[in-house]
Amino acid sequence: MRQLRDEEIRLLAALQDFQKHSTEANRQKVLQLLERVEKLDTEPGFIAQAQKEYAAELTYRGTSFQPNRGLSLFTVVSQVALIAAVLILVFLVLNLQDEVGSPTEPKADDVQATEIEVAASPFTPVCGGDVRLQPEVSEGDFRRELGLTSFTAQVTDSGVVSNRIRAVTIDERGVWFGYYPNQDGQNPINGIGQYDRATWELCKSEIVPIGENVNDIAIAPDGKVWVATDGFGVAVLDEQGWHTFTSSQGLPDDHTYSIVVDSRNVVWVATYQGVAKFDGEVWSVPYTVQDGDTIINNHVGEIAFHPNGEVWIGYLDAGLSRFTNDGEWLHYSTATNPDALASDNVRNIVMDGQGNVWVATSGGGVSRYDSSSDHWTIYDTSTSNLPNNDIHTIAIDKYDRVWAATNGSVVYLDGSTWHIYAEVEALSIAFGLPCDEECPEATWSDEHVWLGTFALGLTHSRIPQPSKIIEVVSVDYPRTVQPGEQFKPSVTVRVLPGYELRQGDGLFYAELDPANLFGAHDRIAVTRTVSAGQSYEFLDFDNSFTAPSEPGTYRSLWRVWASGRYVGEPIVIEFTVSESEATQSSN
């Protein structure tokens, strides 16, 4: 008896899913797999027998789903035996799941961990889903007005199943992201997704029930993927598949907000009822208000470890706590430390390369603790050019710059000035991995930044360079033109030391509305390598600006694009259309 191929096993699993849940999505999955199996040298009648075994009522456009009337009795019996064996295995797995005893309720700090098992797929492409999708257009949608590429459900053929994404992290396998479903029920799809530069996967949806947020994703040193959910505990993906831990298995609460995995593979979880810790076998609850001498509030939203060993705890509504190396607990709030925090709602804590602690708050901007001077600094709309005080998250890039996702834009701090990276509302920020040499195929280097956004799905671009790449030498064009007059603006830039412009770089129109192109092409490409110190003129030889017929002042916004990012300041071409001579004479 031959062994079933992977594609055939996947088809059987998909047919079983369709039998249980006759949805259009499951039907399409079956049709996809049918096409793949059809291309194999599958023994005659396999597809027909599989359909018959599962009683799947499908309409398939091919002919291979029809019974093979010349099929030998021996082949039929063999195929039925094969399928029956698979069914028996599935039946045994499901029954074993039902026989797992109910776990013990936690009665002390240390609880022997048991797990809620999620039924494993017969194969695991990357994250335990049913199929990986390869959209026809894998480059995403370049948003010229933002200077980044957006990956949405619409452009990824549902590789991204929801455009609202809460959590993003990156490892050698690619980008992992967690969804944030709408509370109004209009977009209840959620779960965890994965992208490896070419294909997409929705991880097994059972690990996050409908309506639950994925609040955080952490990759452990051993490669396990840990997920914090807002109401269904913690999920983990290991070599055996997905497992879920809830309050019945030792967590103090099923509402979990952030996860940190330390260098010893110990997992720390911020929950609504204190801090939980998992050492691989046992869950414990080291920090709760009930202890009396640790944290001051059980509603923990963030955990961070300082390189010097200190533990920092952020509360959902009670400020900060800090466990020092001297064994002392220090607490910060707007009431006791108004110069440290402008809001007690802490959303994120990160440490930079100098050991400074950065705190994102809701309504209070960003707070910075200088560990060398024991001094706090608040960045908000009144003390800096931070555009908004409502901060969703913060992150540190390879140049030690602090990034903040505010309510409306993503900015980064260079010196004392906040620069706008993109006017998009983001809920998470993730940078690629440091690569000494060439990165693995699925990995993005730390020159790349990914955002989980409120409405644009995943977005991607390269991070801004730490210094200016180009300077604008001149922008030449007539400032006053006649109605309908044609003219060609010329923009000359000089490349600064340490950089160059390459073929494929260019001058890009940087607005969403095409009306302000005035007939010109939306990009003028660099046609040769331009080294440091050299100048380059951008001139559209084929297309001219055509002035509108109505008098008035008009403007067009452009940016230089180099090495996957906008560089330099925006270039504005502004001109005035004067009244025509005929109009003037009539007046």
Protein backbone atom coordinates (compact mmCIF):
# COMPACT_ATOMS: atom_id res chain seq x y z
CA MET A 1 0.00 0.00 0.00
CA ARG A 2 1.58 3.31 -1.03
CA GLN A 3 1.98 6.16 1.42
CA LEU A 4 -0.25 9.18 0.95
CA ARG A 5 1.47 12.29 -0.37
CA ASP A 6 1.33 15.56 1.55
CA GLU A 7 -1.04 17.16 -0.95
CA GLU A 8 -3.39 14.18 -0.72
CA ILE A 9 -3.40 14.34 3.08
CA ARG A 10 -4.16 18.05 2.87
CA LEU A 11 -7.04 17.34 0.51
CA LEU A 12 -8.50 14.77 2.90
CA ALA A 13 -8.24 17.24 5.78
CA ALA A 14 -9.88 19.97 3.71
CA LEU A 15 -12.71 17.66 2.73
CA GLN A 16 -13.23 16.79 6.37
CA ASP A 17 -13.39 20.51 7.25
CA PHE A 18 -15.87 21.09 4.43
CA GLN A 19 -18.02 18.25 5.69
CA LYS A 20 -18.14 19.81 9.17
CA HIS A 21 -18.48 23.41 8.02
CA SER A 22 -19.79 23.85 4.47
CA THR A 23 -18.59 27.41 4.09
CA GLU A 24 -17.49 29.07 0.87
CA ALA A 25 -13.96 29.50 2.28
CA ASN A 26 -13.66 25.77 2.97
CA ARG A 27 -15.09 24.99 -0.46
CA GLN A 28 -12.49 27.20 -2.15
CA LYS A 29 -9.74 25.53 -0.13
CA VAL A 30 -10.88 22.13 -1.37
CA LEU A 31 -10.92 23.35 -4.97
CA GLN A 32 -7.39 24.72 -4.63
CA LEU A 33 -6.10 21.42 -3.28
CA LEU A 34 -7.99 19.46 -5.93
CA GLU A 35 -6.10 21.31 -8.62
CA ARG A 36 -2.78 20.49 -6.94
CA VAL A 37 -3.59 16.81 -6.44
CA GLU A 38 -4.83 16.57 -10.03
CA LYS A 39 -1.34 17.48 -11.24
CA LEU A 40 0.26 14.60 -9.29
CA ASP A 41 0.55 11.10 -10.67
CA THR A 42 -2.17 10.09 -8.23
CA GLU A 43 -3.56 6.60 -8.63
CA PRO A 44 -6.82 6.57 -10.61
CA GLY A 45 -9.93 7.23 -8.58
CA PHE A 46 -8.23 8.75 -5.53
CA ILE A 47 -10.06 12.07 -5.83
CA ALA A 48 -13.41 10.46 -6.59
CA GLN A 49 -13.07 8.04 -3.69
CA ALA A 50 -12.06 10.85 -1.31
CA GLN A 51 -15.10 12.85 -2.29
CA LYS A 52 -17.35 9.84 -1.83
CA GLU A 53 -15.85 8.98 1.55
CA TYR A 54 -16.50 12.44 2.93
CA ALA A 55 -19.81 12.96 1.09
CA ALA A 56 -18.61 16.41 0.06
CA GLU A 57 -21.13 18.12 -2.18
CA LEU A 58 -18.98 20.21 -4.45
CA THR A 59 -19.07 21.47 -7.99
CA TYR A 60 -15.62 21.07 -9.50
CA ARG A 61 -14.73 22.50 -12.88
CA GLY A 62 -12.35 19.68 -13.75
CA THR A 63 -13.11 16.14 -14.85
CA SER A 64 -10.87 14.33 -12.39
CA PHE A 65 -13.54 14.55 -9.72
CA GLN A 66 -15.72 12.15 -11.67
CA PRO A 67 -15.59 8.45 -10.76
CA ASN A 68 -13.20 6.37 -12.82
CA ARG A 69 -15.41 3.60 -14.16
CA GLY A 70 -12.41 1.52 -15.23
CA LEU A 71 -11.01 1.41 -11.71
CA SER A 72 -9.91 -2.04 -10.57
CA LEU A 73 -11.39 -3.62 -7.47
CA PHE A 74 -7.92 -3.91 -5.92
CA THR A 75 -7.23 -0.18 -6.37
CA VAL A 76 -10.61 0.78 -4.92
CA VAL A 77 -10.07 -1.39 -1.87
CA SER A 78 -6.57 0.00 -1.42
CA GLN A 79 -7.75 3.59 -1.61
CA VAL A 80 -10.68 2.98 0.75
CA ALA A 81 -8.26 1.38 3.21
CA LEU A 82 -5.94 4.35 2.99
CA ILE A 83 -8.70 6.84 3.60
CA ALA A 84 -10.18 4.74 6.39
CA ALA A 85 -6.80 4.71 8.12
CA VAL A 86 -6.64 8.49 7.98
CA LEU A 87 -10.18 8.71 9.36
CA ILE A 88 -9.33 6.36 12.23
CA LEU A 89 -6.31 8.52 13.12
CA VAL A 90 -8.43 11.67 13.11
CA PHE A 91 -11.08 9.91 15.23
CA LEU A 92 -8.47 8.77 17.77
CA VAL A 93 -6.93 12.25 18.02
CA LEU A 94 -10.31 13.85 18.61
CA ASN A 95 -11.23 11.29 21.25
CA LEU A 96 -7.93 11.71 23.03
CA GLN A 97 -8.61 15.45 23.18
CA ASP A 98 -12.01 14.79 24.78
CA GLU A 99 -10.50 12.49 27.42
CA VAL A 100 -8.06 15.08 28.81
CA GLY A 101 -9.11 15.63 32.42
CA SER A 102 -10.12 19.05 33.71
CA PRO A 103 -7.09 20.84 35.14
CA THR A 104 -6.71 21.82 38.74
CA GLU A 105 -7.66 25.35 39.79
CA PRO A 106 -4.62 27.37 40.92
CA LYS A 107 -4.48 27.57 44.72
CA ALA A 108 -0.97 28.87 45.22
CA ASP A 109 1.81 30.66 43.37
CA ASP A 110 3.12 27.47 41.79
CA VAL A 111 0.73 25.53 39.57
CA GLN A 112 1.67 22.48 37.56
CA ALA A 113 0.84 23.55 34.00
CA THR A 114 -1.56 21.59 31.87
CA GLU A 115 -2.61 22.64 28.41
CA ILE A 116 -5.66 23.01 26.24
CA GLU A 117 -4.67 21.12 23.12
CA VAL A 118 -5.72 22.51 19.75
CA ALA A 119 -6.28 19.78 17.18
CA ALA A 120 -3.19 19.62 14.99
CA SER A 121 -3.40 19.85 11.24
CA PRO A 122 -2.11 16.81 9.31
CA PHE A 123 0.67 19.11 8.14
CA THR A 124 2.23 22.33 9.44
CA PRO A 125 3.46 24.70 6.72
CA VAL A 126 4.75 27.30 9.20
CA CYS A 127 2.20 28.14 11.86
CA GLY A 128 -0.32 25.32 11.92
CA GLY A 129 -2.76 26.70 9.36
CA ASP A 130 -4.45 24.77 6.59
CA VAL A 131 -2.84 26.26 3.49
CA ARG A 132 -0.38 28.94 2.46
CA LEU A 133 -1.62 31.50 -0.02
CA GLN A 134 0.47 32.96 -2.82
CA PRO A 135 -1.26 36.04 -4.21
CA GLU A 136 -0.79 37.03 -7.82
CA VAL A 137 0.52 40.43 -6.70
CA SER A 138 3.01 39.99 -3.86
CA GLU A 139 4.51 43.48 -3.85
CA GLY A 140 1.58 45.05 -2.02
CA ASP A 141 0.09 48.47 -2.72
CA PHE A 142 2.60 51.33 -2.79
CA ARG A 143 1.02 54.32 -1.06
CA ARG A 144 2.84 57.27 -2.60
CA GLU A 145 1.35 59.78 -0.16
CA LEU A 146 2.80 57.79 2.76
CA GLY A 147 6.00 56.49 1.20
CA LEU A 148 5.33 52.89 2.22
CA THR A 149 3.80 49.68 0.91
CA SER A 150 0.49 48.49 2.31
CA PHE A 151 -0.52 44.82 2.50
CA THR A 152 -4.29 44.57 2.91
CA ALA A 153 -6.91 41.87 2.45
CA GLN A 154 -7.68 43.36 -0.93
CA VAL A 155 -4.17 43.20 -2.43
CA THR A 156 -3.04 39.92 -0.84
CA ASP A 157 -5.98 37.79 -2.02
CA SER A 158 -6.95 37.39 1.66
CA GLY A 159 -3.43 36.49 2.76
CA VAL A 160 -4.20 39.28 5.19
CA VAL A 161 -7.74 38.54 6.36
CA SER A 162 -8.36 41.79 8.24
CA ASN A 163 -6.93 45.28 7.76
CA ARG A 164 -6.85 45.99 11.50
CA ILE A 165 -3.65 44.55 12.98
CA ARG A 166 -2.66 44.88 16.63
CA ALA A 167 0.65 43.05 17.08
CA VAL A 168 3.68 42.53 14.80
CA THR A 169 7.01 40.81 15.35
CA ILE A 170 9.74 39.43 13.07
CA ASP A 171 12.02 36.41 13.18
CA GLU A 172 14.05 34.35 10.68
CA ARG A 173 10.83 32.84 9.30
CA GLY A 174 9.29 36.18 8.39
CA VAL A 175 6.63 38.49 9.83
CA TRP A 176 4.14 37.33 12.47
CA PHE A 177 1.08 39.47 13.15
CA GLY A 178 -2.05 39.36 15.26
CA TYR A 179 -5.43 40.79 14.36
CA TYR A 180 -7.58 43.28 16.24
CA PRO A 181 -11.27 42.66 15.39
CA ASN A 182 -13.78 45.49 15.30
CA GLN A 183 -15.90 45.69 18.40
CA ASP A 184 -19.01 46.56 16.38
CA GLY A 185 -19.06 43.11 14.77
CA GLN A 186 -18.42 44.45 11.27
CA ASN A 187 -15.05 42.71 11.05
CA PRO A 188 -14.92 39.81 13.52
CA ILE A 189 -12.10 37.98 11.74
CA ASN A 190 -9.07 37.62 13.93
CA GLY A 191 -6.25 35.26 14.81
CA ILE A 192 -2.57 35.20 13.86
CA GLY A 193 -1.00 35.54 10.43
CA GLN A 194 2.45 34.86 9.01
CA TYR A 195 4.24 36.16 5.90
CA ASP A 196 7.53 34.86 4.48
CA ARG A 197 8.12 37.35 1.62
CA ALA A 198 6.11 35.29 -0.89
CA THR A 199 3.25 33.43 0.80
CA TRP A 200 0.77 34.05 3.59
CA GLU A 201 -0.83 31.84 6.21
CA LEU A 202 -3.65 32.21 8.71
CA CYS A 203 -2.60 30.20 11.74
CA LYS A 204 -5.16 27.87 13.26
CA SER A 205 -8.09 30.12 14.17
CA GLU A 206 -9.12 27.96 17.15
CA ILE A 207 -6.31 29.44 19.25
CA VAL A 208 -8.06 32.83 19.35
CA PRO A 209 -11.86 32.71 19.48
CA ILE A 210 -13.88 35.20 17.44
CA GLY A 211 -13.90 38.65 19.01
CA GLU A 212 -10.66 38.30 21.01
CA ASN A 213 -7.75 40.66 20.40
CA VAL A 214 -4.22 39.44 19.86
CA ASN A 215 -2.37 41.88 22.11
CA ASP A 216 1.23 40.75 21.77
CA ILE A 217 3.47 38.19 20.05
CA ALA A 218 6.92 37.18 21.32
CA ILE A 219 9.48 34.86 19.76
CA ALA A 220 11.45 32.81 22.29
CA PRO A 221 15.17 32.03 21.87
CA ASP A 222 14.19 28.43 21.10
CA GLY A 223 11.89 29.57 18.27
CA LYS A 224 8.56 29.09 20.03
CA VAL A 225 5.90 31.67 19.23
CA TRP A 226 4.05 33.04 22.28
CA VAL A 227 0.79 34.98 21.92
CA ALA A 228 -1.10 37.11 24.46
CA THR A 229 -4.86 37.32 23.87
CA ASP A 230 -7.44 39.61 25.39
CA GLY A 231 -9.69 37.04 26.99
CA PHE A 232 -8.43 33.57 26.05
CA GLY A 233 -5.15 33.35 27.90
CA VAL A 234 -1.84 32.58 26.21
CA ALA A 235 -1.14 30.47 23.13
CA VAL A 236 2.18 28.95 22.11
CA LEU A 237 3.37 27.35 18.88
CA ASP A 238 6.08 24.74 19.31
CA GLU A 239 7.27 21.71 17.35
CA GLN A 240 4.10 19.81 18.34
CA GLY A 241 1.71 22.53 17.19
CA TRP A 242 -0.42 25.04 19.07
CA HIS A 243 -1.23 24.84 22.78
CA THR A 244 -3.32 27.22 24.88
CA PHE A 245 -2.97 28.12 28.57
CA THR A 246 -5.81 29.78 30.46
CA SER A 247 -6.64 30.56 34.09
CA SER A 248 -7.55 26.88 34.50
CA GLN A 249 -3.94 26.01 33.72
CA GLY A 250 -2.26 28.48 36.08
CA LEU A 251 -2.63 31.97 34.64
CA PRO A 252 -4.01 34.46 37.16
CA ASP A 253 -6.38 35.82 34.49
CA ASP A 254 -7.33 35.11 30.87
CA HIS A 255 -6.90 38.75 29.85
CA THR A 256 -3.24 39.01 28.89
CA TYR A 257 -1.58 42.10 27.43
CA SER A 258 2.12 41.57 26.85
CA ILE A 259 4.63 38.71 26.77
CA VAL A 260 8.38 38.79 27.34
CA VAL A 261 10.62 35.73 26.97
CA ASP A 262 13.96 36.09 28.73
CA SER A 263 17.31 34.56 27.74
CA ARG A 264 16.56 31.42 29.79
CA ASN A 265 13.32 30.82 27.85
CA VAL A 266 11.27 31.82 30.88
CA VAL A 267 7.99 33.39 29.76
CA TRP A 268 6.61 36.45 31.58
CA VAL A 269 3.01 37.53 31.01
CA ALA A 270 1.24 40.76 31.99
CA THR A 271 -2.35 39.95 32.99
CA TYR A 272 -5.33 41.73 34.50
CA GLN A 273 -4.59 40.02 37.81
CA GLY A 274 -0.85 40.37 38.17
CA VAL A 275 2.30 38.98 36.55
CA ALA A 276 2.55 35.31 35.53
CA LYS A 277 5.72 33.33 34.85
CA PHE A 278 6.19 30.01 33.02
CA ASP A 279 9.46 28.08 33.31
CA GLY A 280 8.53 25.38 30.79
CA GLU A 281 6.70 23.18 33.26
CA VAL A 282 5.08 25.28 35.96
CA TRP A 283 3.14 28.53 35.98
CA SER A 284 3.74 30.80 38.94
CA VAL A 285 2.44 34.23 39.95
CA PRO A 286 5.42 36.11 41.39
CA TYR A 287 3.90 39.61 41.49
CA THR A 288 0.38 40.44 42.69
CA VAL A 289 -1.13 43.01 45.03
CA GLN A 290 -1.96 40.15 47.37
CA ASP A 291 1.77 39.72 48.03
CA GLY A 292 1.70 43.05 49.82
CA ASP A 293 5.28 44.07 49.01
CA THR A 294 5.59 43.98 45.20
CA ILE A 295 3.30 45.66 42.66
CA ILE A 296 0.65 48.21 43.67
CA ASN A 297 -2.02 47.29 41.11
CA ASN A 298 -3.01 43.98 39.55
CA HIS A 299 -3.99 45.47 36.18
CA VAL A 300 -0.61 44.92 34.52
CA GLY A 301 -0.30 45.89 30.88
CA GLU A 302 3.46 45.82 30.28
CA ILE A 303 6.62 44.06 31.52
CA ALA A 304 10.16 45.05 30.58
CA PHE A 305 13.60 43.95 31.75
CA HIS A 306 16.42 46.46 31.96
CA PRO A 307 19.88 45.26 30.83
CA ASN A 308 21.04 45.83 34.43
CA GLY A 309 18.49 43.29 35.67
CA GLU A 310 15.78 45.64 36.91
CA VAL A 311 12.13 44.76 36.33
CA TRP A 312 9.79 47.47 35.10
CA ILE A 313 6.01 47.03 35.36
CA GLY A 314 3.48 49.24 33.54
CA TYR A 315 -0.13 49.39 34.71
CA LEU A 316 -3.22 49.89 32.62
CA ASP A 317 -4.32 52.76 34.85
CA ALA A 318 -1.90 53.14 37.80
CA GLY A 319 1.47 54.28 36.43
CA LEU A 320 4.73 52.37 36.83
CA SER A 321 6.58 50.14 39.26
CA ARG A 322 10.29 49.38 39.24
CA PHE A 323 12.04 46.52 41.05
CA THR A 324 15.63 47.62 41.57
CA ASN A 325 18.74 45.50 41.93
CA ASP A 326 18.75 46.41 45.63
CA GLY A 327 15.48 44.55 46.07
CA GLU A 328 13.48 47.76 46.43
CA TRP A 329 10.17 48.52 44.75
CA LEU A 330 9.76 52.09 43.45
CA HIS A 331 6.44 53.40 42.17
CA TYR A 332 5.67 56.31 39.80
CA SER A 333 2.31 57.93 39.13
CA THR A 334 0.92 61.29 38.05
CA ALA A 335 -0.08 61.98 41.64
CA THR A 336 3.30 61.22 43.24
CA ASN A 337 5.67 61.90 40.29
CA PRO A 338 4.08 64.42 37.89
CA ASP A 339 7.51 65.20 36.41
CA ALA A 340 7.97 61.53 35.46
CA LEU A 341 4.60 60.58 34.01
CA ALA A 342 1.94 62.73 32.41
CA SER A 343 -0.49 59.81 32.34
CA ASP A 344 -0.97 56.70 34.47
CA ASN A 345 -2.15 54.67 31.48
CA VAL A 346 1.07 52.94 30.40
CA ARG A 347 1.02 51.23 27.02
CA ASN A 348 4.64 50.29 26.36
CA ILE A 349 8.13 50.27 27.95
CA VAL A 350 11.40 49.91 26.00
CA MET A 351 15.10 50.44 26.73
CA ASP A 352 17.55 52.10 24.35
CA GLY A 353 21.24 51.32 23.82
CA GLN A 354 22.32 53.66 26.63
CA GLY A 355 20.04 52.02 29.17
CA ASN A 356 17.47 54.82 29.14
CA VAL A 357 13.87 53.76 29.76
CA TRP A 358 11.15 55.02 27.40
CA VAL A 359 7.50 54.84 28.41
CA ALA A 360 4.52 55.27 26.06
CA THR A 361 1.34 56.52 27.69
CA SER A 362 -2.23 57.13 26.63
CA GLY A 363 -2.89 60.85 26.84
CA GLY A 364 0.45 61.82 28.35
CA GLY A 365 2.94 61.47 25.51
CA VAL A 366 6.31 59.77 26.01
CA SER A 367 8.37 59.72 29.22
CA ARG A 368 12.13 59.10 29.30
CA TYR A 369 14.09 57.96 32.36
CA ASP A 370 17.84 58.62 32.24
CA SER A 371 19.36 55.81 34.28
CA SER A 372 22.72 57.58 34.58
CA SER A 373 21.29 60.76 36.12
CA ASP A 374 18.06 59.43 37.65
CA HIS A 375 16.22 62.16 35.73
CA TRP A 376 12.86 62.06 33.93
CA THR A 377 11.90 63.96 30.76
CA ILE A 378 8.39 64.22 29.34
CA TYR A 379 7.82 64.61 25.60
CA ASP A 380 4.33 65.84 24.86
CA THR A 381 2.65 68.40 22.64
CA SER A 382 3.47 71.20 25.08
CA THR A 383 7.16 70.40 25.65
CA SER A 384 8.12 69.14 22.17
CA ASN A 385 6.83 68.89 18.62
CA LEU A 386 5.25 65.48 19.31
CA PRO A 387 2.06 65.66 17.19
CA ASN A 388 -0.23 63.79 19.61
CA ASN A 389 -0.14 62.72 23.28
CA ASP A 390 -2.01 59.45 22.73
CA ILE A 391 0.78 56.90 22.13
CA HIS A 392 -0.10 53.34 21.09
CA THR A 393 3.42 51.93 21.21
CA ILE A 394 7.11 52.82 20.96
CA ALA A 395 10.20 51.06 19.55
CA ILE A 396 13.95 51.58 19.12
CA ASP A 397 15.59 51.29 15.70
CA LYS A 398 19.17 50.26 14.78
CA TYR A 399 20.34 53.87 15.08
CA ASP A 400 18.95 54.08 18.64
CA ARG A 401 16.17 56.42 17.55
CA VAL A 402 12.88 56.24 19.41
CA TRP A 403 9.77 55.65 17.29
CA ALA A 404 6.27 56.42 18.54
CA ALA A 405 2.95 55.37 17.05
CA THR A 406 0.65 58.23 17.95
CA ASN A 407 -3.04 58.61 17.38
CA GLY A 408 -2.76 59.63 13.73
CA SER A 409 0.90 59.35 12.72
CA VAL A 410 4.13 57.47 13.29
CA VAL A 411 7.11 59.63 14.27
CA TYR A 412 10.73 59.14 15.29
CA LEU A 413 12.95 61.21 17.55
CA ASP A 414 16.23 62.45 16.10
CA GLY A 415 18.05 64.56 18.68
CA SER A 416 15.30 66.69 20.22
CA THR A 417 13.04 66.78 17.17
CA TRP A 418 10.23 64.40 16.25
CA HIS A 419 10.10 63.68 12.52
CA ILE A 420 7.02 62.30 10.80
CA TYR A 421 7.65 58.90 9.22
CA ALA A 422 4.09 58.43 7.95
CA GLU A 423 0.69 59.91 8.66
CA VAL A 424 -0.96 56.60 9.44
CA GLU A 425 -2.48 55.31 12.67
CA ALA A 426 -0.43 52.31 13.77
CA LEU A 427 -0.91 49.97 16.71
CA SER A 428 2.50 48.27 16.57
CA ILE A 429 6.03 48.82 15.21
CA ALA A 430 8.55 46.08 14.38
CA PHE A 431 12.04 46.27 12.90
CA GLY A 432 13.86 43.50 11.08
CA LEU A 433 16.75 41.50 12.50
CA PRO A 434 20.42 42.46 12.57
CA CYS A 435 22.25 40.51 9.89
CA ASP A 436 26.07 40.45 9.97
CA GLU A 437 26.16 39.30 6.38
CA GLU A 438 23.25 38.38 4.13
CA CYS A 439 19.91 37.73 5.81
CA PRO A 440 18.12 34.38 5.39
CA GLU A 441 15.62 34.30 2.55
CA ALA A 442 12.49 35.07 4.59
CA THR A 443 14.13 37.59 6.90
CA TRP A 444 14.06 41.35 6.74
CA SER A 445 17.14 43.15 8.05
CA ASP A 446 17.01 45.90 10.64
CA GLU A 447 16.90 48.43 7.79
CA HIS A 448 13.20 47.51 7.42
CA VAL A 449 10.22 48.63 9.48
CA TRP A 450 6.77 47.03 9.60
CA LEU A 451 3.64 48.57 11.08
CA GLY A 452 0.42 46.96 12.21
CA THR A 453 -2.18 49.59 11.43
CA PHE A 454 -5.72 50.50 12.34
CA ALA A 455 -7.03 50.37 8.75
CA LEU A 456 -4.21 49.69 6.25
CA GLY A 457 -3.24 46.16 7.30
CA LEU A 458 0.52 45.65 7.37
CA THR A 459 2.79 48.35 6.00
CA HIS A 460 6.47 48.16 5.10
CA SER A 461 9.37 50.36 4.07
CA ARG A 462 13.00 50.96 4.92
CA ILE A 463 13.82 53.17 7.89
CA PRO A 464 15.10 56.70 7.28
CA GLN A 465 18.86 57.10 7.06
CA PRO A 466 20.53 58.73 10.09
CA SER A 467 21.75 61.65 8.00
CA LYS A 468 20.65 63.48 4.87
CA ILE A 469 21.21 61.62 1.60
CA ILE A 470 20.62 64.48 -0.78
CA GLU A 471 20.29 68.24 -0.78
CA VAL A 472 18.11 70.14 -3.21
CA VAL A 473 20.24 72.44 -5.37
CA SER A 474 17.52 74.07 -7.45
CA VAL A 475 13.88 73.80 -8.50
CA ASP A 476 13.37 75.66 -11.78
CA TYR A 477 10.05 76.42 -13.48
CA PRO A 478 7.99 79.51 -14.35
CA ARG A 479 6.11 80.79 -11.30
CA THR A 480 3.43 82.51 -13.37
CA VAL A 481 1.90 80.87 -16.44
CA GLN A 482 -1.02 81.38 -18.80
CA PRO A 483 -4.11 79.12 -18.77
CA GLY A 484 -3.29 75.86 -20.61
CA GLU A 485 0.42 76.74 -20.89
CA GLN A 486 2.85 73.80 -20.89
CA PHE A 487 6.13 73.84 -18.98
CA LYS A 488 8.70 71.38 -17.62
CA PRO A 489 9.91 71.78 -14.02
CA SER A 490 13.54 70.83 -13.42
CA VAL A 491 14.73 69.59 -9.99
CA THR A 492 18.47 69.27 -9.35
CA VAL A 493 19.84 67.50 -6.27
CA ARG A 494 23.34 66.80 -4.97
CA VAL A 495 24.27 63.49 -3.33
CA LEU A 496 25.89 63.92 0.07
CA PRO A 497 28.98 62.04 1.36
CA GLY A 498 28.46 58.37 2.19
CA TYR A 499 25.55 57.85 -0.19
CA GLU A 500 24.67 57.44 -3.85
CA LEU A 501 21.64 57.34 -6.12
CA ARG A 502 21.13 54.20 -8.19
CA GLN A 503 19.08 53.24 -11.20
CA GLY A 504 15.53 52.72 -10.02
CA ASP A 505 15.65 55.59 -7.56
CA GLY A 506 13.80 58.68 -8.69
CA LEU A 507 11.67 61.73 -8.10
CA PHE A 508 8.17 60.56 -7.12
CA TYR A 509 4.86 62.39 -7.04
CA ALA A 510 3.92 62.21 -3.35
CA GLU A 511 0.18 62.85 -3.30
CA LEU A 512 -2.76 60.47 -3.36
CA ASP A 513 -4.86 62.65 -5.67
CA PRO A 514 -3.53 62.47 -9.27
CA ALA A 515 -5.11 65.82 -10.15
CA ASN A 516 -2.03 67.77 -9.08
CA LEU A 517 0.19 65.92 -11.56
CA PHE A 518 -1.07 68.37 -14.23
CA GLY A 519 -0.33 65.87 -17.00
CA ALA A 520 3.21 64.90 -15.94
CA HIS A 521 4.41 61.35 -15.28
CA ASP A 522 4.22 60.33 -11.60
CA ARG A 523 7.90 59.43 -11.34
CA ILE A 524 11.15 60.46 -13.02
CA ALA A 525 13.73 57.69 -12.69
CA VAL A 526 17.46 57.97 -12.03
CA THR A 527 19.10 56.54 -15.16
CA ARG A 528 22.66 56.08 -13.87
CA THR A 529 24.63 55.74 -10.66
CA VAL A 530 25.15 59.13 -9.02
CA SER A 531 28.06 59.09 -6.57
CA ALA A 532 28.64 61.29 -3.53
CA GLY A 533 29.35 64.90 -4.48
CA GLN A 534 27.68 64.61 -7.88
CA SER A 535 24.50 66.38 -8.94
CA TYR A 536 21.55 64.97 -10.85
CA GLU A 537 18.76 66.76 -12.71
CA PHE A 538 15.25 65.32 -12.69
CA LEU A 539 13.46 66.39 -15.86
CA ASP A 540 10.46 64.72 -17.49
CA PHE A 541 11.47 64.82 -21.17
CA ASP A 542 8.28 63.16 -22.39
CA ASN A 543 5.54 64.93 -20.43
CA SER A 544 4.98 68.56 -19.53
CA PHE A 545 2.95 70.25 -16.83
CA THR A 546 -0.21 71.70 -18.38
CA ALA A 547 -1.56 74.67 -16.46
CA PRO A 548 -5.27 74.56 -15.57
CA SER A 549 -7.62 76.82 -17.45
CA GLU A 550 -8.92 78.52 -14.31
CA PRO A 551 -6.84 81.32 -12.78
CA GLY A 552 -5.44 80.64 -9.31
CA THR A 553 -2.47 79.24 -7.42
CA TYR A 554 -1.69 75.54 -7.73
CA ARG A 555 0.85 73.25 -6.10
CA SER A 556 2.27 69.78 -6.62
CA LEU A 557 4.19 67.75 -3.99
CA TRP A 558 7.21 65.57 -4.87
CA ARG A 559 9.81 63.52 -2.96
CA VAL A 560 13.13 61.88 -3.91
CA TRP A 561 12.97 58.07 -3.49
CA ALA A 562 16.27 56.29 -2.82
CA SER A 563 16.96 52.70 -1.66
CA GLY A 564 13.37 51.97 -0.72
CA ARG A 565 12.54 55.18 1.18
CA TYR A 566 11.80 58.85 0.74
CA VAL A 567 14.87 61.04 1.36
CA GLY A 568 15.24 64.76 1.78
CA GLU A 569 12.51 67.29 2.36
CA PRO A 570 9.32 67.49 0.30
CA ILE A 571 9.70 69.43 -2.96
CA VAL A 572 6.80 71.74 -3.71
CA ILE A 573 6.16 72.98 -7.23
CA GLU A 574 3.83 75.97 -6.86
CA PHE A 575 2.71 78.20 -9.70
CA THR A 576 0.07 80.80 -10.42
CA VAL A 577 -2.20 80.73 -13.45
CA SER A 578 -2.87 84.32 -14.43
CA GLU A 579 -6.01 85.56 -16.07
CA SER A 580 -5.89 85.30 -19.86
CA GLU A 581 -5.39 88.41 -21.97
CA ALA A 582 -8.90 88.05 -23.37
CA THR A 583 -10.36 88.02 -19.87
CA GLN A 584 -8.28 91.02 -18.84
CA SER A 585 -9.37 93.06 -21.88
CA SER A 586 -13.04 92.25 -21.28
CA ASN A 587 -12.74 93.58 -17.74
